N, C-alpha and C. Protein backbone atom coordinates (compact mmCIF):
# COMPACT_ATOMS: atom_id res chain seq x y z
N UNK A 1 0.82 -1.19 0.00
CA UNK A 1 0.00 0.00 0.00
C UNK A 1 0.87 1.26 0.00
N UNK A 2 1.95 1.28 0.78
CA UNK A 2 2.80 2.47 0.83
C UNK A 2 3.35 2.84 -0.54
N UNK A 3 3.70 1.83 -1.35
CA UNK A 3 4.20 2.12 -2.70
C UNK A 3 3.11 2.74 -3.56
N UNK A 4 1.89 2.25 -3.44
CA UNK A 4 0.79 2.81 -4.21
C UNK A 4 0.51 4.24 -3.78
N UNK A 5 0.57 4.51 -2.48
CA UNK A 5 0.39 5.89 -2.00
C UNK A 5 1.47 6.79 -2.60
N UNK A 6 2.70 6.33 -2.61
CA UNK A 6 3.79 7.12 -3.19
C UNK A 6 3.55 7.38 -4.67
N UNK A 7 3.09 6.36 -5.40
CA UNK A 7 2.80 6.53 -6.83
C UNK A 7 1.69 7.55 -7.05
N UNK A 8 0.61 7.42 -6.28
CA UNK A 8 -0.54 8.32 -6.44
C UNK A 8 -0.14 9.76 -6.11
N UNK A 9 0.53 9.96 -4.98
CA UNK A 9 0.89 11.32 -4.60
C UNK A 9 1.89 11.92 -5.59
N UNK A 10 2.79 11.11 -6.08
CA UNK A 10 3.76 11.60 -7.06
C UNK A 10 3.08 11.98 -8.37
N UNK A 11 2.17 11.15 -8.84
CA UNK A 11 1.47 11.41 -10.11
C UNK A 11 0.49 12.59 -10.02
N UNK A 12 -0.11 12.79 -8.86
CA UNK A 12 -1.14 13.82 -8.70
C UNK A 12 -0.58 15.16 -8.21
N UNK A 13 0.52 15.16 -7.51
CA UNK A 13 1.02 16.36 -6.85
C UNK A 13 1.19 17.53 -7.83
N UNK A 14 0.52 18.64 -7.50
CA UNK A 14 0.61 19.84 -8.32
C UNK A 14 -0.26 19.84 -9.55
N UNK A 15 -0.93 18.73 -9.82
CA UNK A 15 -1.77 18.61 -11.02
C UNK A 15 -3.18 19.10 -10.72
N UNK A 16 -3.85 19.53 -11.79
CA UNK A 16 -5.22 20.03 -11.66
C UNK A 16 -6.20 18.90 -11.35
N UNK A 17 -7.17 19.23 -10.52
CA UNK A 17 -8.27 18.32 -10.17
C UNK A 17 -9.24 18.28 -11.36
N UNK A 18 -9.45 17.10 -11.93
CA UNK A 18 -10.35 16.93 -13.07
C UNK A 18 -11.30 15.78 -12.75
N UNK A 19 -12.55 16.10 -12.50
CA UNK A 19 -13.52 15.06 -12.10
C UNK A 19 -13.61 13.97 -13.17
N UNK A 20 -13.59 12.74 -12.69
CA UNK A 20 -13.71 11.59 -13.57
C UNK A 20 -12.40 11.13 -14.19
N UNK A 21 -11.39 11.97 -14.15
CA UNK A 21 -10.10 11.63 -14.72
C UNK A 21 -9.01 11.61 -13.65
N UNK A 22 -8.94 12.69 -12.88
CA UNK A 22 -7.96 12.80 -11.79
C UNK A 22 -8.67 13.51 -10.64
N UNK A 23 -9.33 12.72 -9.80
CA UNK A 23 -10.03 13.31 -8.67
C UNK A 23 -9.82 12.50 -7.41
N UNK A 24 -10.32 13.01 -6.30
CA UNK A 24 -10.05 12.39 -5.00
C UNK A 24 -10.77 11.05 -4.83
N UNK A 25 -11.95 10.89 -5.41
CA UNK A 25 -12.64 9.60 -5.33
C UNK A 25 -11.85 8.54 -6.10
N UNK A 26 -11.40 8.89 -7.29
CA UNK A 26 -10.61 7.95 -8.08
C UNK A 26 -9.29 7.61 -7.38
N UNK A 27 -8.74 8.59 -6.69
CA UNK A 27 -7.52 8.36 -5.93
C UNK A 27 -7.75 7.25 -4.88
N UNK A 28 -8.88 7.34 -4.18
CA UNK A 28 -9.24 6.30 -3.21
C UNK A 28 -9.42 4.95 -3.90
N UNK A 29 -10.21 4.92 -4.99
CA UNK A 29 -10.46 3.66 -5.68
C UNK A 29 -9.16 3.02 -6.15
N UNK A 30 -8.27 3.81 -6.68
CA UNK A 30 -6.99 3.26 -7.16
C UNK A 30 -6.21 2.64 -6.01
N UNK A 31 -6.27 3.26 -4.85
CA UNK A 31 -5.53 2.76 -3.69
C UNK A 31 -6.14 1.49 -3.11
N UNK A 32 -7.47 1.46 -2.95
CA UNK A 32 -8.11 0.36 -2.22
C UNK A 32 -9.06 -0.52 -3.03
N UNK A 33 -9.59 -0.01 -4.12
CA UNK A 33 -10.61 -0.75 -4.88
C UNK A 33 -10.29 -0.63 -6.37
N UNK A 34 -9.21 -1.27 -6.86
CA UNK A 34 -8.78 -1.10 -8.25
C UNK A 34 -9.85 -1.44 -9.30
N UNK A 35 -10.67 -2.44 -9.05
CA UNK A 35 -11.72 -2.77 -10.03
C UNK A 35 -12.74 -1.64 -10.13
N UNK A 36 -13.03 -1.00 -9.02
CA UNK A 36 -13.95 0.13 -9.02
C UNK A 36 -13.30 1.32 -9.74
N UNK A 37 -12.00 1.49 -9.56
CA UNK A 37 -11.29 2.55 -10.29
C UNK A 37 -11.47 2.35 -11.79
N UNK A 38 -11.22 1.13 -12.25
CA UNK A 38 -11.35 0.84 -13.68
C UNK A 38 -12.76 1.14 -14.20
N UNK A 39 -13.77 0.81 -13.39
CA UNK A 39 -15.15 1.01 -13.81
C UNK A 39 -15.56 2.50 -13.79
N UNK A 40 -15.04 3.27 -12.83
CA UNK A 40 -15.46 4.66 -12.66
C UNK A 40 -14.64 5.65 -13.49
N UNK A 41 -13.40 5.30 -13.81
CA UNK A 41 -12.51 6.22 -14.51
C UNK A 41 -13.13 6.67 -15.84
N UNK A 42 -13.22 7.96 -16.03
CA UNK A 42 -13.76 8.61 -17.25
C UNK A 42 -15.25 8.33 -17.47
N UNK A 43 -15.99 8.06 -16.40
CA UNK A 43 -17.43 7.82 -16.51
C UNK A 43 -18.26 9.04 -16.13
N UNK A 44 -17.61 10.14 -15.71
CA UNK A 44 -18.33 11.35 -15.30
C UNK A 44 -17.39 12.54 -15.43
N UNK A 45 -17.98 13.75 -15.41
CA UNK A 45 -17.15 14.94 -15.47
C UNK A 45 -17.64 16.05 -14.54
N UNK A 46 -18.58 15.70 -13.65
CA UNK A 46 -19.01 16.63 -12.61
C UNK A 46 -19.52 15.81 -11.42
N UNK A 47 -19.84 16.51 -10.33
CA UNK A 47 -20.27 15.81 -9.11
C UNK A 47 -21.52 14.98 -9.35
N UNK A 48 -22.51 15.56 -9.99
CA UNK A 48 -23.76 14.83 -10.24
C UNK A 48 -23.51 13.59 -11.09
N UNK A 49 -22.67 13.70 -12.09
CA UNK A 49 -22.33 12.55 -12.92
C UNK A 49 -21.63 11.47 -12.11
N UNK A 50 -20.77 11.87 -11.17
CA UNK A 50 -20.10 10.91 -10.30
C UNK A 50 -21.07 10.19 -9.39
N UNK A 51 -22.04 10.94 -8.86
CA UNK A 51 -23.08 10.34 -8.01
C UNK A 51 -23.87 9.33 -8.82
N UNK A 52 -24.27 9.71 -10.02
CA UNK A 52 -25.05 8.81 -10.88
C UNK A 52 -24.24 7.56 -11.26
N UNK A 53 -22.97 7.75 -11.59
CA UNK A 53 -22.13 6.60 -11.96
C UNK A 53 -21.94 5.66 -10.77
N UNK A 54 -21.70 6.20 -9.59
CA UNK A 54 -21.56 5.37 -8.39
C UNK A 54 -22.82 4.58 -8.10
N UNK A 55 -23.96 5.23 -8.24
CA UNK A 55 -25.25 4.57 -8.00
C UNK A 55 -25.50 3.49 -9.05
N UNK A 56 -25.26 3.83 -10.31
CA UNK A 56 -25.52 2.88 -11.41
C UNK A 56 -24.58 1.67 -11.34
N UNK A 57 -23.31 1.92 -11.09
CA UNK A 57 -22.32 0.84 -11.14
C UNK A 57 -22.23 0.03 -9.85
N UNK A 58 -22.40 0.70 -8.70
CA UNK A 58 -22.13 0.02 -7.43
C UNK A 58 -23.19 0.21 -6.35
N UNK A 59 -24.22 0.99 -6.63
CA UNK A 59 -25.31 1.15 -5.68
C UNK A 59 -25.05 2.13 -4.55
N UNK A 60 -24.08 3.04 -4.67
CA UNK A 60 -23.86 4.04 -3.64
C UNK A 60 -23.89 5.44 -4.24
N UNK A 61 -24.28 6.40 -3.42
CA UNK A 61 -24.38 7.79 -3.87
C UNK A 61 -23.17 8.63 -3.47
N UNK A 62 -22.41 8.17 -2.48
CA UNK A 62 -21.22 8.92 -2.05
C UNK A 62 -20.17 7.92 -1.58
N UNK A 63 -18.95 8.35 -1.64
CA UNK A 63 -17.86 7.50 -1.16
C UNK A 63 -18.00 7.25 0.33
N UNK A 64 -18.45 8.25 1.08
CA UNK A 64 -18.63 8.07 2.53
C UNK A 64 -19.63 6.95 2.80
N UNK A 65 -20.75 6.91 2.08
CA UNK A 65 -21.73 5.84 2.30
C UNK A 65 -21.15 4.48 1.92
N UNK A 66 -20.34 4.44 0.86
CA UNK A 66 -19.67 3.19 0.49
C UNK A 66 -18.76 2.72 1.62
N UNK A 67 -17.97 3.61 2.17
CA UNK A 67 -17.04 3.26 3.25
C UNK A 67 -17.80 2.76 4.48
N UNK A 68 -18.91 3.40 4.81
CA UNK A 68 -19.69 3.03 5.99
C UNK A 68 -20.35 1.67 5.84
N UNK A 69 -20.63 1.25 4.61
CA UNK A 69 -21.36 0.01 4.39
C UNK A 69 -20.48 -1.16 3.97
N UNK A 70 -19.19 -0.94 3.86
CA UNK A 70 -18.30 -1.99 3.38
C UNK A 70 -17.19 -2.26 4.40
N UNK A 71 -16.12 -2.85 3.97
CA UNK A 71 -15.08 -3.33 4.88
C UNK A 71 -14.11 -2.24 5.33
N UNK A 72 -14.69 -1.14 5.79
CA UNK A 72 -13.90 -0.02 6.30
C UNK A 72 -14.45 0.33 7.67
N UNK A 73 -13.58 0.53 8.62
CA UNK A 73 -14.06 0.90 9.95
C UNK A 73 -13.71 2.35 10.22
N UNK A 74 -14.61 2.99 10.94
CA UNK A 74 -14.36 4.38 11.30
C UNK A 74 -13.40 4.40 12.49
N UNK A 75 -12.42 5.29 12.43
CA UNK A 75 -11.47 5.46 13.53
C UNK A 75 -11.52 6.90 14.00
N UNK A 76 -11.18 7.12 15.25
CA UNK A 76 -11.15 8.46 15.80
C UNK A 76 -10.10 9.30 15.08
N UNK A 77 -10.41 10.56 14.78
CA UNK A 77 -9.46 11.41 14.05
C UNK A 77 -8.06 11.46 14.67
N UNK A 78 -7.98 11.46 15.97
CA UNK A 78 -6.67 11.54 16.62
C UNK A 78 -5.87 10.25 16.52
N UNK A 79 -6.48 9.19 16.03
CA UNK A 79 -5.79 7.90 15.89
C UNK A 79 -5.58 7.52 14.43
N UNK A 80 -5.75 8.49 13.53
CA UNK A 80 -5.57 8.17 12.11
C UNK A 80 -4.12 7.81 11.82
N UNK A 81 -3.97 6.96 10.82
CA UNK A 81 -2.64 6.47 10.43
C UNK A 81 -2.43 6.70 8.94
N UNK A 82 -1.20 6.56 8.54
CA UNK A 82 -0.81 6.65 7.14
C UNK A 82 -1.67 5.70 6.30
N UNK A 83 -2.35 6.25 5.30
CA UNK A 83 -3.18 5.42 4.43
C UNK A 83 -4.66 5.44 4.76
N UNK A 84 -5.05 6.00 5.90
CA UNK A 84 -6.47 6.11 6.22
C UNK A 84 -7.13 7.08 5.25
N UNK A 85 -8.44 6.96 5.11
CA UNK A 85 -9.21 7.80 4.21
C UNK A 85 -10.03 8.79 5.01
N UNK A 86 -9.99 10.06 4.60
CA UNK A 86 -10.69 11.14 5.30
C UNK A 86 -11.81 11.65 4.40
N UNK A 87 -13.03 11.70 4.94
CA UNK A 87 -14.17 12.28 4.23
C UNK A 87 -14.81 13.32 5.14
N UNK A 88 -15.50 14.27 4.54
CA UNK A 88 -16.13 15.34 5.31
C UNK A 88 -17.64 15.14 5.39
N UNK A 89 -18.22 15.62 6.50
CA UNK A 89 -19.68 15.55 6.66
C UNK A 89 -20.37 16.38 5.58
N UNK A 90 -19.77 17.52 5.23
CA UNK A 90 -20.31 18.38 4.18
C UNK A 90 -19.31 18.43 3.05
N UNK A 91 -19.77 18.20 1.85
CA UNK A 91 -18.88 18.26 0.70
C UNK A 91 -18.45 16.89 0.24
N UNK A 92 -17.73 16.88 -0.85
CA UNK A 92 -17.33 15.63 -1.49
C UNK A 92 -15.83 15.37 -1.41
N UNK A 93 -15.10 16.17 -0.65
CA UNK A 93 -13.65 16.02 -0.60
C UNK A 93 -13.25 14.73 0.11
N UNK A 94 -12.24 14.08 -0.45
CA UNK A 94 -11.67 12.86 0.11
C UNK A 94 -10.16 13.04 0.13
N UNK A 95 -9.54 12.67 1.24
CA UNK A 95 -8.09 12.81 1.37
C UNK A 95 -7.49 11.49 1.83
N UNK A 96 -6.23 11.29 1.50
CA UNK A 96 -5.46 10.17 2.04
C UNK A 96 -4.65 10.74 3.19
N UNK A 97 -4.78 10.13 4.36
CA UNK A 97 -4.01 10.58 5.51
C UNK A 97 -2.56 10.14 5.37
N UNK A 98 -1.67 11.08 5.62
CA UNK A 98 -0.24 10.79 5.65
C UNK A 98 0.26 10.92 7.09
N UNK A 99 -0.65 10.87 8.03
CA UNK A 99 -0.33 11.08 9.44
C UNK A 99 -0.81 12.46 9.86
N UNK A 100 0.11 13.40 10.03
CA UNK A 100 -0.27 14.77 10.40
C UNK A 100 -0.65 15.62 9.20
N UNK A 101 -0.43 15.11 8.03
CA UNK A 101 -0.78 15.81 6.79
C UNK A 101 -1.75 14.92 6.01
N UNK A 102 -2.47 15.54 5.09
CA UNK A 102 -3.35 14.82 4.19
C UNK A 102 -2.95 15.14 2.76
N UNK A 103 -3.26 14.23 1.85
CA UNK A 103 -3.03 14.47 0.44
C UNK A 103 -4.38 14.46 -0.28
N UNK A 104 -4.61 15.51 -1.06
CA UNK A 104 -5.85 15.61 -1.82
C UNK A 104 -5.92 16.95 -2.52
N UNK A 105 -7.13 17.39 -2.81
CA UNK A 105 -7.33 18.64 -3.54
C UNK A 105 -7.25 19.82 -2.57
N UNK A 106 -6.41 20.79 -2.93
CA UNK A 106 -6.27 22.00 -2.14
C UNK A 106 -7.24 23.07 -2.65
N UNK A 107 -7.29 24.19 -1.97
CA UNK A 107 -8.22 25.27 -2.33
C UNK A 107 -8.01 25.79 -3.74
N UNK A 108 -6.81 25.67 -4.29
CA UNK A 108 -6.54 26.19 -5.64
C UNK A 108 -6.87 25.17 -6.73
N UNK A 109 -7.61 24.10 -6.37
CA UNK A 109 -8.06 23.07 -7.30
C UNK A 109 -6.92 22.24 -7.88
N UNK A 110 -5.82 22.16 -7.16
CA UNK A 110 -4.73 21.27 -7.54
C UNK A 110 -4.46 20.33 -6.37
N UNK A 111 -3.86 19.20 -6.69
CA UNK A 111 -3.54 18.22 -5.66
C UNK A 111 -2.27 18.62 -4.91
N UNK A 112 -2.26 18.31 -3.63
CA UNK A 112 -1.09 18.56 -2.81
C UNK A 112 -1.35 18.17 -1.37
N UNK A 113 -0.41 18.54 -0.53
CA UNK A 113 -0.46 18.21 0.90
C UNK A 113 -1.08 19.38 1.66
N UNK A 114 -1.96 19.05 2.60
CA UNK A 114 -2.54 20.05 3.48
C UNK A 114 -2.37 19.57 4.92
N UNK A 115 -2.47 20.50 5.85
CA UNK A 115 -2.31 20.19 7.26
C UNK A 115 -3.65 19.76 7.85
N UNK A 116 -3.70 18.59 8.42
CA UNK A 116 -4.97 18.10 8.98
C UNK A 116 -5.43 18.93 10.17
N UNK A 117 -4.50 19.61 10.84
CA UNK A 117 -4.86 20.41 12.01
C UNK A 117 -5.55 21.72 11.64
N UNK A 118 -5.68 22.00 10.35
CA UNK A 118 -6.43 23.17 9.90
C UNK A 118 -7.94 22.92 9.93
N UNK A 119 -8.34 21.69 10.27
CA UNK A 119 -9.75 21.31 10.24
C UNK A 119 -10.21 20.83 11.61
N UNK A 120 -11.43 21.20 11.97
CA UNK A 120 -12.05 20.76 13.21
C UNK A 120 -12.33 19.25 13.09
N UNK A 121 -11.96 18.49 14.09
CA UNK A 121 -12.14 17.03 14.04
C UNK A 121 -13.62 16.64 13.96
N UNK A 122 -14.54 17.55 14.28
CA UNK A 122 -15.97 17.26 14.15
C UNK A 122 -16.47 17.41 12.72
N UNK A 123 -15.63 17.95 11.84
CA UNK A 123 -16.04 18.20 10.46
C UNK A 123 -15.82 17.01 9.54
N UNK A 124 -15.06 16.01 9.99
CA UNK A 124 -14.71 14.91 9.10
C UNK A 124 -14.73 13.56 9.81
N UNK A 125 -14.71 12.52 8.97
CA UNK A 125 -14.65 11.13 9.44
C UNK A 125 -13.39 10.49 8.85
N UNK A 126 -12.83 9.55 9.59
CA UNK A 126 -11.63 8.83 9.14
C UNK A 126 -11.97 7.35 9.06
N UNK A 127 -11.60 6.72 7.96
CA UNK A 127 -11.88 5.30 7.75
C UNK A 127 -10.59 4.54 7.47
N UNK A 128 -10.58 3.29 7.91
CA UNK A 128 -9.44 2.41 7.68
C UNK A 128 -9.96 1.10 7.12
N UNK A 129 -9.29 0.58 6.11
CA UNK A 129 -9.68 -0.70 5.55
C UNK A 129 -9.36 -1.80 6.56
N UNK A 130 -10.34 -2.67 6.79
CA UNK A 130 -10.16 -3.76 7.78
C UNK A 130 -9.34 -4.88 7.19
């Protein structure tokens, strides 16, 4: 898994966020659910299209609902580890935890590292693959 995280962060770092081609949901699928990545890649180009594709292909409307209903357990934010997945209660952002930092889409719509301590722990959920 660590090698895949390195590949993903290296390939995405500094690149523009493009829904359906290079986005945070696909980043998660590539890391943990490669068959789902293959099915979802280039199947949408906006949030609504992603919701429809997820529902049509796999029966879920959001990545958070998928994580909650499958082989991922929720962990307390202060106990997150390298490789955990971070989702927010509001919004569609998904990040890969690198420990004290996260990797995902920054405010300028490019991928990069952000500080997890910039966010209230009540604003997000952390999941770990069992």
